[in-house]
Amino acid sequence: MKKKSISFLLCIFMLLLFLPTVFAVEPLSSEEVVAQKRAWYPFIKTCEEKLNEKAKSESLQDIKIDRIIVESVKYLTTENEVNAAINEKKFVPNITIYIHFSAIHIVKVSKYIYTYMPQNDYENLYNETSSNLTVSNYNTNNSILSGDFDPSFCTFLGDEYVYNSALSGRYYIALDIADYKNHISTTVDPTVSEPSTSEVKSSSTASGFLSKETSDSSASLSLSTEYTKGQEIIISGKTDFNYFYTYRDGLKYKCFSLTKNGERVYASVREDLYDYYKNAFQNHSLTLKGTYEFTAEDGSPVVSVSTLVEGTKETNLRSYLWTVNKGSVKNPNFKAYADLKGDGLVLSAAKDGQSITIDSNPWGAAKGSQAYKLDNDFALLMIKELNSELGLPDWLYTEMMGTRALDGRQKEVFDYVTVIWSYHPDSGINILYRKNN
């Protein structure tokens, strides 16, 4: 009788252990998955900034993120749920963000885990020794972070969430690093900056290749100096697009050379934009501002460039390239606009280049969510800019912003372009600009 009682209690215990997986909520649709993952991006950005500060204090260089995992005690399906969970101030971690990355410490490449708990502003950094992550209380999460899941305890909810009943019933979701970096980079206002008040002078290095500003905003370094990832520097020299370097960091990058006094540095740009840079700057002498990424195998620094420096004037590179490739009011280059200012989602051009579309809510995020706000703000910025570039009247933007769902599709025909748009409070504004052939 005693054995039967023990067996019965054991069965009840196992049933209770797996009940959450049995009654798990329905997996998200593919559209909901993307919208929900992008809801995390503002918090991931904060986490990444803290990681960079922490890594700098630990003298880590050449950080390469391999995996980003979010751990929660709830199955979070909307932006409102994400924000609510983030804002719950609890001693027991409700949300934990893990960044699994590699970095160079002195001369050795090591793997690390960075953990960040946004509710408590708790952060830590752990080194990897041999094949085992020394992650203190998080040793049980090694398999989660490496992407391996014990089927005895883990249940997949669609292809996204993993529910682990052994770890106090917690949910895990892996984020798309490439989409995160692309989305964050394209939500920054790509406008031309105001002329700098700092005087740009040549450095006194032996090569004379790197420059400095009299302010502390950019570093003054010789080529032999050890760089810190993310450090802002100014480089100059003559371009050589026939001598390039490629690498992948989520997105694919192609770097053209700048050479001066026999020294070389690589200017890193997105590979799909490489020809725009080549057409604009082939065989030019340039001064560019950017951030140090790493040192290539040939010993040349790789610098992610963002700004063209001309005396005391600084211009965003993509904005400059757009002015070179914009075409005319009569025949605008929609493809160039989408490539240089769009993200392929909120703003995208047709393959034939005859039209361009702006969708303020491409993923169908919930109205009022952070994802909805980010995409909507970016869309409104693009609408204003594109209307201006096409020479369209100011009243058009006012008409667009005043459109209601019950108004249906609106259409205005101008000399060289036709504009069609509609609005719904849930799906946002959708606009088509079409050339009049």
Protein backbone atom coordinates (compact mmCIF):
# COMPACT_ATOMS: atom_id res chain seq x y z
CA MET A 1 0.00 0.00 0.00
CA LYS A 2 2.84 2.34 0.87
CA LYS A 3 4.51 1.67 -2.49
CA LYS A 4 1.28 2.42 -4.34
CA SER A 5 0.91 5.69 -2.44
CA ILE A 6 4.46 6.69 -3.33
CA SER A 7 3.88 5.82 -6.97
CA PHE A 8 0.64 7.79 -7.02
CA LEU A 9 2.29 10.84 -5.47
CA LEU A 10 5.16 10.55 -7.93
CA CYS A 11 2.72 10.50 -10.84
CA ILE A 12 0.93 13.55 -9.45
CA PHE A 13 4.27 15.35 -9.09
CA MET A 14 5.30 14.58 -12.68
CA LEU A 15 1.88 15.63 -13.94
CA LEU A 16 2.12 18.94 -12.12
CA LEU A 17 5.64 19.39 -13.49
CA PHE A 18 4.49 19.09 -17.07
CA LEU A 19 1.05 20.70 -16.80
CA PRO A 20 2.32 24.05 -18.12
CA THR A 21 3.53 22.36 -21.30
CA VAL A 22 0.30 20.48 -21.72
CA PHE A 23 -1.78 23.62 -21.43
CA ALA A 24 0.71 25.86 -23.28
CA VAL A 25 -0.79 28.69 -25.26
CA GLU A 26 -0.97 28.49 -29.03
CA PRO A 27 2.29 29.32 -30.87
CA LEU A 28 2.52 32.73 -32.51
CA SER A 29 1.99 33.21 -36.24
CA SER A 30 5.05 34.18 -38.31
CA GLU A 31 3.91 37.83 -38.41
CA GLU A 32 3.30 37.88 -34.67
CA VAL A 33 6.72 36.32 -34.07
CA VAL A 34 8.55 39.09 -35.91
CA ALA A 35 6.50 41.86 -34.28
CA GLN A 36 6.97 40.33 -30.84
CA LYS A 37 10.72 39.84 -31.28
CA ARG A 38 11.15 43.41 -32.47
CA ALA A 39 9.35 44.53 -29.31
CA TRP A 40 12.50 43.48 -27.43
CA TYR A 41 14.90 45.52 -29.57
CA PRO A 42 14.90 48.76 -27.51
CA PHE A 43 15.83 46.71 -24.41
CA ILE A 44 18.43 44.72 -26.37
CA LYS A 45 19.96 48.01 -27.54
CA THR A 46 20.29 49.16 -23.92
CA CYS A 47 21.78 45.79 -23.02
CA GLU A 48 24.30 46.02 -25.88
CA GLU A 49 25.34 49.54 -24.82
CA LYS A 50 25.94 48.30 -21.29
CA LEU A 51 27.88 45.35 -22.67
CA ASN A 52 30.16 47.69 -24.65
CA GLU A 53 30.83 49.77 -21.53
CA LYS A 54 31.50 46.64 -19.49
CA ALA A 55 33.74 45.12 -22.17
CA LYS A 56 35.76 48.31 -22.38
CA SER A 57 36.42 48.21 -18.64
CA GLU A 58 37.46 44.55 -19.01
CA SER A 59 39.80 45.43 -21.94
CA LEU A 60 37.86 43.23 -24.36
CA GLN A 61 38.14 43.96 -28.09
CA ASP A 62 36.59 42.82 -31.37
CA ILE A 63 33.25 41.77 -29.88
CA LYS A 64 31.23 39.42 -32.09
CA ILE A 65 27.74 38.54 -30.89
CA ASP A 66 26.86 34.90 -31.56
CA ARG A 67 23.45 34.59 -29.93
CA ILE A 68 20.87 36.64 -28.04
CA ILE A 69 18.40 34.86 -25.77
CA VAL A 70 15.58 36.39 -23.72
CA GLU A 71 14.39 34.46 -20.67
CA SER A 72 11.03 35.18 -19.03
CA VAL A 73 8.63 33.62 -16.56
CA LYS A 74 5.71 34.38 -18.85
CA TYR A 75 4.77 33.62 -22.43
CA LEU A 76 4.84 37.17 -23.78
CA THR A 77 2.94 37.66 -27.02
CA THR A 78 2.46 41.44 -27.31
CA GLU A 79 4.50 44.58 -26.84
CA ASN A 80 2.28 45.58 -23.91
CA GLU A 81 3.09 42.28 -22.18
CA VAL A 82 6.79 42.78 -22.84
CA ASN A 83 6.73 46.30 -21.34
CA ALA A 84 4.69 45.16 -18.37
CA ALA A 85 7.12 42.32 -17.64
CA ILE A 86 10.14 44.62 -18.05
CA ASN A 87 8.66 47.14 -15.62
CA GLU A 88 7.86 44.64 -12.88
CA LYS A 89 10.42 45.45 -10.23
CA LYS A 90 11.10 42.13 -8.53
CA PHE A 91 13.97 40.76 -6.54
CA VAL A 92 13.58 37.45 -8.35
CA PRO A 93 14.55 38.05 -12.00
CA ASN A 94 11.46 38.25 -14.18
CA ILE A 95 13.32 38.99 -17.42
CA THR A 96 16.93 38.10 -18.22
CA ILE A 97 18.72 38.97 -21.46
CA TYR A 98 21.70 36.80 -22.39
CA ILE A 99 24.25 37.85 -25.02
CA HIS A 100 26.64 35.06 -25.99
CA PHE A 101 29.70 36.61 -27.68
CA SER A 102 33.38 36.21 -28.44
CA ALA A 103 36.05 38.84 -27.89
CA ILE A 104 39.79 39.30 -27.86
CA HIS A 105 41.39 39.67 -24.46
CA ILE A 106 45.07 40.60 -24.84
CA VAL A 107 45.89 38.19 -27.72
CA LYS A 108 43.47 35.34 -27.01
CA VAL A 109 39.96 34.94 -28.37
CA SER A 110 37.56 33.85 -25.60
CA LYS A 111 33.84 33.30 -25.39
CA TYR A 112 31.66 35.11 -22.89
CA ILE A 113 28.13 35.39 -21.63
CA TYR A 114 26.77 38.78 -20.68
CA THR A 115 23.61 38.79 -18.58
CA TYR A 116 21.35 41.77 -18.05
CA MET A 117 18.17 42.00 -15.98
CA PRO A 118 16.39 45.23 -16.96
CA GLN A 119 13.99 45.28 -13.98
CA ASN A 120 16.82 45.45 -11.46
CA ASP A 121 19.47 46.94 -13.75
CA TYR A 122 21.59 43.92 -12.84
CA GLU A 123 24.44 42.95 -15.13
CA ASN A 124 27.39 40.63 -15.16
CA LEU A 125 30.05 39.25 -17.45
CA TYR A 126 31.41 35.72 -17.40
CA ASN A 127 34.40 34.14 -19.08
CA GLU A 128 34.33 30.81 -20.86
CA THR A 129 36.96 28.31 -19.77
CA SER A 130 37.64 25.46 -22.21
CA SER A 131 34.21 24.16 -23.20
CA ASN A 132 32.31 25.04 -20.03
CA LEU A 133 30.78 28.43 -19.37
CA THR A 134 31.58 29.59 -15.87
CA VAL A 135 28.30 31.34 -15.36
CA SER A 136 27.86 31.03 -11.60
CA ASN A 137 24.19 30.42 -10.89
CA TYR A 138 23.41 30.05 -14.58
CA ASN A 139 25.26 26.80 -15.25
CA THR A 140 21.93 25.11 -15.95
CA ASN A 141 21.36 27.51 -18.81
CA ASN A 142 24.40 26.44 -20.82
CA SER A 143 22.36 24.18 -23.07
CA ILE A 144 19.82 26.96 -23.63
CA LEU A 145 22.50 29.43 -24.68
CA SER A 146 24.24 26.98 -26.99
CA GLY A 147 20.96 26.13 -28.69
CA ASP A 148 20.73 22.57 -27.35
CA PHE A 149 17.57 21.64 -25.48
CA ASP A 150 16.87 18.56 -23.39
CA PRO A 151 13.63 17.11 -24.82
CA SER A 152 12.84 15.64 -21.41
CA PHE A 153 12.20 19.10 -20.02
CA CYS A 154 11.83 21.41 -23.00
CA THR A 155 8.78 21.99 -25.18
CA PHE A 156 8.92 23.98 -28.40
CA LEU A 157 6.05 26.43 -28.94
CA GLY A 158 6.13 26.72 -32.71
CA ASP A 159 9.66 27.40 -33.97
CA GLU A 160 10.23 30.26 -31.55
CA TYR A 161 9.66 29.88 -27.82
CA VAL A 162 11.09 27.04 -25.79
CA TYR A 163 9.39 26.23 -22.49
CA ASN A 164 11.67 24.62 -19.88
CA SER A 165 9.76 23.02 -17.03
CA ALA A 166 12.92 22.05 -15.14
CA LEU A 167 14.16 25.64 -14.75
CA SER A 168 11.27 26.90 -12.63
CA GLY A 169 8.98 26.94 -15.66
CA ARG A 170 10.71 29.58 -17.79
CA TYR A 171 10.34 30.58 -21.42
CA TYR A 172 13.21 31.25 -23.82
CA ILE A 173 13.19 33.01 -27.18
CA ALA A 174 16.15 33.46 -29.55
CA LEU A 175 16.35 36.77 -31.43
CA ASP A 176 17.37 37.34 -35.03
CA ILE A 177 20.66 39.26 -34.73
CA ALA A 178 20.70 40.42 -38.37
CA ASP A 179 17.14 41.79 -38.20
CA TYR A 180 17.87 43.46 -34.86
CA LYS A 181 20.95 45.29 -36.15
CA ASN A 182 19.26 46.30 -39.39
CA HIS A 183 16.11 47.54 -37.65
CA ILE A 184 17.98 49.54 -35.03
CA SER A 185 20.30 51.12 -37.62
CA THR A 186 17.44 52.20 -39.89
CA THR A 187 15.39 53.83 -37.11
CA VAL A 188 18.09 56.46 -36.57
CA ASP A 189 17.37 59.79 -38.26
CA PRO A 190 19.74 59.81 -41.28
CA THR A 191 19.82 63.60 -41.66
CA VAL A 192 22.82 65.77 -42.44
CA SER A 193 24.54 66.91 -39.27
CA GLU A 194 25.30 70.55 -38.53
CA PRO A 195 28.84 71.77 -39.30
CA SER A 196 31.22 70.83 -36.51
CA THR A 197 32.66 73.61 -34.39
CA SER A 198 35.79 71.54 -33.85
CA GLU A 199 38.82 72.32 -35.99
CA VAL A 200 40.10 69.31 -37.92
CA LYS A 201 43.89 69.09 -37.98
CA SER A 202 46.41 66.54 -39.20
CA SER A 203 47.96 64.43 -36.52
CA SER A 204 51.66 64.32 -35.82
CA THR A 205 51.91 60.57 -36.35
CA ALA A 206 54.66 59.11 -38.46
CA SER A 207 52.22 58.06 -41.18
CA GLY A 208 49.99 61.12 -40.97
CA PHE A 209 47.14 58.79 -41.88
CA LEU A 210 44.81 59.19 -38.93
CA SER A 211 43.52 62.62 -37.99
CA LYS A 212 42.29 64.15 -34.78
CA GLU A 213 39.90 66.82 -33.59
CA THR A 214 40.80 69.35 -30.95
CA SER A 215 37.76 68.15 -28.96
CA ASP A 216 37.63 64.78 -27.19
CA SER A 217 34.90 63.42 -29.50
CA SER A 218 37.38 61.58 -31.73
CA ALA A 219 40.56 59.73 -30.91
CA SER A 220 44.02 60.75 -32.04
CA LEU A 221 45.94 57.55 -32.67
CA SER A 222 48.83 56.27 -34.70
CA LEU A 223 48.43 53.06 -36.69
CA SER A 224 50.50 51.22 -34.12
CA THR A 225 48.15 52.21 -31.29
CA GLU A 226 45.86 49.56 -29.83
CA TYR A 227 42.28 50.40 -30.69
CA THR A 228 39.13 49.88 -28.67
CA LYS A 229 36.03 48.56 -30.46
CA GLY A 230 33.52 51.36 -30.96
CA GLN A 231 36.17 54.06 -30.59
CA GLU A 232 35.43 57.03 -32.84
CA ILE A 233 38.28 58.03 -35.15
CA ILE A 234 38.83 60.07 -38.30
CA ILE A 235 40.63 58.54 -41.27
CA SER A 236 41.84 60.04 -44.53
CA GLY A 237 43.52 58.99 -47.76
CA LYS A 238 42.93 58.15 -51.41
CA THR A 239 40.28 55.58 -52.18
CA ASP A 240 41.07 52.24 -53.81
CA PHE A 241 37.96 50.21 -54.59
CA ASN A 242 39.94 47.50 -56.36
CA TYR A 243 41.62 46.52 -53.08
CA PHE A 244 38.85 45.53 -50.69
CA TYR A 245 38.14 43.38 -47.66
CA THR A 246 34.91 41.50 -46.86
CA TYR A 247 33.47 40.06 -43.66
CA ARG A 248 30.14 39.11 -42.11
CA ASP A 249 28.72 40.38 -38.82
CA GLY A 250 25.03 39.57 -39.09
CA LEU A 251 25.01 41.52 -42.39
CA LYS A 252 27.68 41.27 -45.10
CA TYR A 253 30.20 44.10 -45.25
CA LYS A 254 32.63 45.11 -47.98
CA CYS A 255 35.44 47.52 -47.17
CA PHE A 256 37.21 49.80 -49.64
CA SER A 257 40.76 50.99 -48.99
CA LEU A 258 42.01 54.41 -48.06
CA THR A 259 45.77 54.76 -48.49
CA LYS A 260 48.17 57.51 -47.53
CA ASN A 261 51.96 57.51 -47.14
CA GLY A 262 52.03 53.75 -47.69
CA GLU A 263 49.52 53.02 -44.90
CA ARG A 264 46.15 51.38 -45.49
CA VAL A 265 42.85 51.40 -43.61
CA TYR A 266 39.57 49.73 -44.58
CA ALA A 267 36.35 51.78 -44.71
CA SER A 268 33.56 49.34 -43.87
CA VAL A 269 30.16 49.71 -45.57
CA ARG A 270 27.26 47.35 -46.24
CA GLU A 271 28.04 45.16 -49.23
CA ASP A 272 24.75 45.98 -50.98
CA LEU A 273 25.67 49.69 -50.88
CA TYR A 274 29.27 49.25 -52.04
CA ASP A 275 28.65 50.35 -55.65
CA TYR A 276 27.07 53.61 -54.47
CA TYR A 277 30.27 54.45 -52.60
CA LYS A 278 32.39 53.36 -55.55
CA ASN A 279 30.47 55.52 -58.04
CA ALA A 280 30.70 58.55 -55.76
CA PHE A 281 34.27 58.26 -54.44
CA GLN A 282 36.34 56.30 -56.96
CA ASN A 283 39.93 57.68 -56.93
CA HIS A 284 39.00 60.49 -54.53
CA SER A 285 40.96 61.75 -51.53
CA LEU A 286 38.59 61.63 -48.55
CA THR A 287 38.38 62.30 -44.85
CA LEU A 288 35.82 60.08 -43.10
CA LYS A 289 34.63 59.63 -39.54
CA GLY A 290 33.67 56.24 -38.14
CA THR A 291 34.17 53.71 -35.37
CA TYR A 292 36.88 51.09 -35.09
CA GLU A 293 35.59 47.52 -35.57
CA PHE A 294 38.67 45.27 -35.59
CA THR A 295 42.03 44.79 -37.27
CA ALA A 296 42.11 42.75 -40.47
CA GLU A 297 44.51 39.88 -41.05
CA ASP A 298 46.90 42.16 -42.96
CA GLY A 299 47.18 44.49 -39.95
CA SER A 300 44.97 47.25 -41.38
CA PRO A 301 42.25 48.76 -39.14
CA VAL A 302 38.64 48.20 -40.21
CA VAL A 303 36.54 51.31 -39.55
CA SER A 304 32.76 51.45 -39.93
CA VAL A 305 32.37 54.84 -41.62
CA SER A 306 29.30 57.05 -41.28
CA THR A 307 30.34 60.66 -41.93
CA LEU A 308 32.07 62.62 -44.69
CA VAL A 309 34.29 65.36 -43.25
CA GLU A 310 35.00 68.42 -45.42
CA GLY A 311 36.84 71.04 -43.39
CA THR A 312 34.49 71.91 -40.53
CA LYS A 313 31.45 70.46 -42.32
CA GLU A 314 30.26 66.94 -41.55
CA THR A 315 27.69 65.14 -43.71
CA ASN A 316 26.00 61.80 -43.14
CA LEU A 317 27.43 59.50 -45.84
CA ARG A 318 24.13 57.96 -46.89
CA SER A 319 22.54 61.40 -47.20
CA TYR A 320 25.50 62.48 -49.33
CA LEU A 321 25.22 59.41 -51.54
CA TRP A 322 21.51 60.09 -52.00
CA THR A 323 22.24 63.61 -53.29
CA VAL A 324 24.61 62.03 -55.85
CA ASN A 325 22.17 59.31 -56.93
CA LYS A 326 18.76 60.95 -56.45
CA GLY A 327 18.03 61.54 -60.13
CA SER A 328 15.63 64.41 -60.82
CA VAL A 329 12.14 65.48 -59.85
CA LYS A 330 10.99 64.30 -63.27
CA ASN A 331 12.72 60.92 -62.89
CA PRO A 332 13.52 60.17 -59.24
CA ASN A 333 15.75 57.22 -58.40
CA PHE A 334 13.39 55.29 -56.14
CA LYS A 335 15.75 52.32 -55.89
CA ALA A 336 18.58 54.49 -54.58
CA TYR A 337 16.26 56.13 -52.05
CA ALA A 338 15.08 52.74 -50.75
CA ASP A 339 18.62 51.32 -50.67
CA LEU A 340 20.19 54.29 -48.92
CA LYS A 341 17.39 55.38 -46.61
CA GLY A 342 14.98 52.48 -46.37
CA ASP A 343 15.00 49.24 -44.44
CA GLY A 344 13.24 46.98 -46.94
CA LEU A 345 10.18 46.85 -44.68
CA VAL A 346 8.81 50.26 -43.76
CA LEU A 347 10.20 51.69 -46.98
CA SER A 348 10.86 49.57 -50.06
CA ALA A 349 11.06 50.03 -53.83
CA ALA A 350 9.67 47.86 -56.60
CA LYS A 351 12.22 45.79 -58.54
CA ASP A 352 11.65 47.82 -61.69
CA GLY A 353 12.28 51.07 -59.79
CA GLN A 354 8.99 52.58 -60.96
CA SER A 355 7.40 52.87 -57.53
CA ILE A 356 8.17 53.05 -53.85
CA THR A 357 6.04 52.05 -50.86
CA ILE A 358 5.95 53.30 -47.28
CA ASP A 359 4.17 51.09 -44.73
CA SER A 360 4.14 52.42 -41.17
CA ASN A 361 3.30 49.03 -39.64
CA PRO A 362 4.76 46.26 -41.85
CA TRP A 363 4.60 43.60 -39.11
CA GLY A 364 1.13 44.35 -37.84
CA ALA A 365 2.31 45.30 -34.35
CA ALA A 366 -0.31 46.26 -31.77
CA LYS A 367 -1.20 49.95 -31.76
CA GLY A 368 0.50 51.70 -28.84
CA SER A 369 3.33 49.18 -28.72
CA GLN A 370 6.99 50.15 -28.91
CA ALA A 371 7.36 48.29 -32.22
CA TYR A 372 4.40 50.19 -33.67
CA LYS A 373 5.83 53.52 -32.49
CA LEU A 374 9.34 52.85 -33.86
CA ASP A 375 8.11 51.93 -37.33
CA ASN A 376 5.51 54.72 -37.40
CA ASP A 377 8.06 57.40 -36.43
CA PHE A 378 10.44 56.15 -39.11
CA ALA A 379 7.64 56.09 -41.70
CA LEU A 380 6.58 59.68 -40.95
CA LEU A 381 10.19 60.83 -41.28
CA MET A 382 10.48 59.08 -44.67
CA ILE A 383 7.16 60.55 -45.89
CA LYS A 384 8.26 64.09 -45.09
CA GLU A 385 11.65 63.59 -46.74
CA LEU A 386 10.30 61.88 -49.85
CA ASN A 387 7.55 64.46 -50.33
CA SER A 388 10.21 67.17 -50.16
CA GLU A 389 12.56 65.36 -52.55
CA LEU A 390 9.74 64.97 -55.08
CA GLY A 391 8.80 68.64 -54.82
CA LEU A 392 5.29 67.84 -53.59
CA PRO A 393 3.24 70.54 -51.83
CA ASP A 394 3.13 70.82 -48.03
CA TRP A 395 -0.63 70.31 -47.99
CA LEU A 396 -0.19 66.71 -49.15
CA TYR A 397 1.41 65.65 -45.86
CA THR A 398 -1.39 67.43 -43.96
CA GLU A 399 -3.97 65.54 -46.04
CA MET A 400 -2.20 62.23 -45.37
CA MET A 401 -2.09 62.80 -41.61
CA GLY A 402 -5.79 63.73 -41.60
CA THR A 403 -6.96 60.63 -43.46
CA ARG A 404 -9.41 58.36 -41.61
CA ALA A 405 -10.14 54.69 -42.11
CA LEU A 406 -13.62 55.45 -43.46
CA ASP A 407 -12.10 57.74 -46.13
CA GLY A 408 -10.79 54.69 -47.99
CA ARG A 409 -8.02 54.97 -50.58
CA GLN A 410 -6.92 58.49 -51.46
CA LYS A 411 -5.21 59.51 -54.70
CA GLU A 412 -3.44 62.62 -55.93
CA VAL A 413 -1.88 62.96 -59.39
CA PHE A 414 1.01 65.38 -59.87
CA ASP A 415 3.14 66.19 -62.93
CA TYR A 416 5.62 63.32 -62.57
CA VAL A 417 4.29 61.10 -59.81
CA THR A 418 0.99 59.69 -58.58
CA VAL A 419 0.48 59.20 -54.84
CA ILE A 420 -2.04 56.68 -53.46
CA TRP A 421 -2.55 56.14 -49.74
CA SER A 422 -4.87 54.74 -47.08
CA TYR A 423 -5.00 54.67 -43.29
CA HIS A 424 -6.34 52.39 -40.59
CA PRO A 425 -5.68 52.84 -36.84
CA ASP A 426 -4.52 49.22 -36.51
CA SER A 427 -2.44 48.84 -39.67
CA GLY A 428 -1.20 52.43 -39.86
CA ILE A 429 -0.64 54.41 -43.05
CA ASN A 430 0.30 52.80 -46.38
CA ILE A 431 1.51 54.97 -49.28
CA LEU A 432 2.45 54.17 -52.87
CA TYR A 433 4.46 56.68 -54.94
CA ARG A 434 4.33 55.76 -58.65
CA LYS A 435 6.12 57.41 -61.56
CA ASN A 436 3.93 58.80 -64.33
CA ASN A 437 5.39 57.29 -67.51
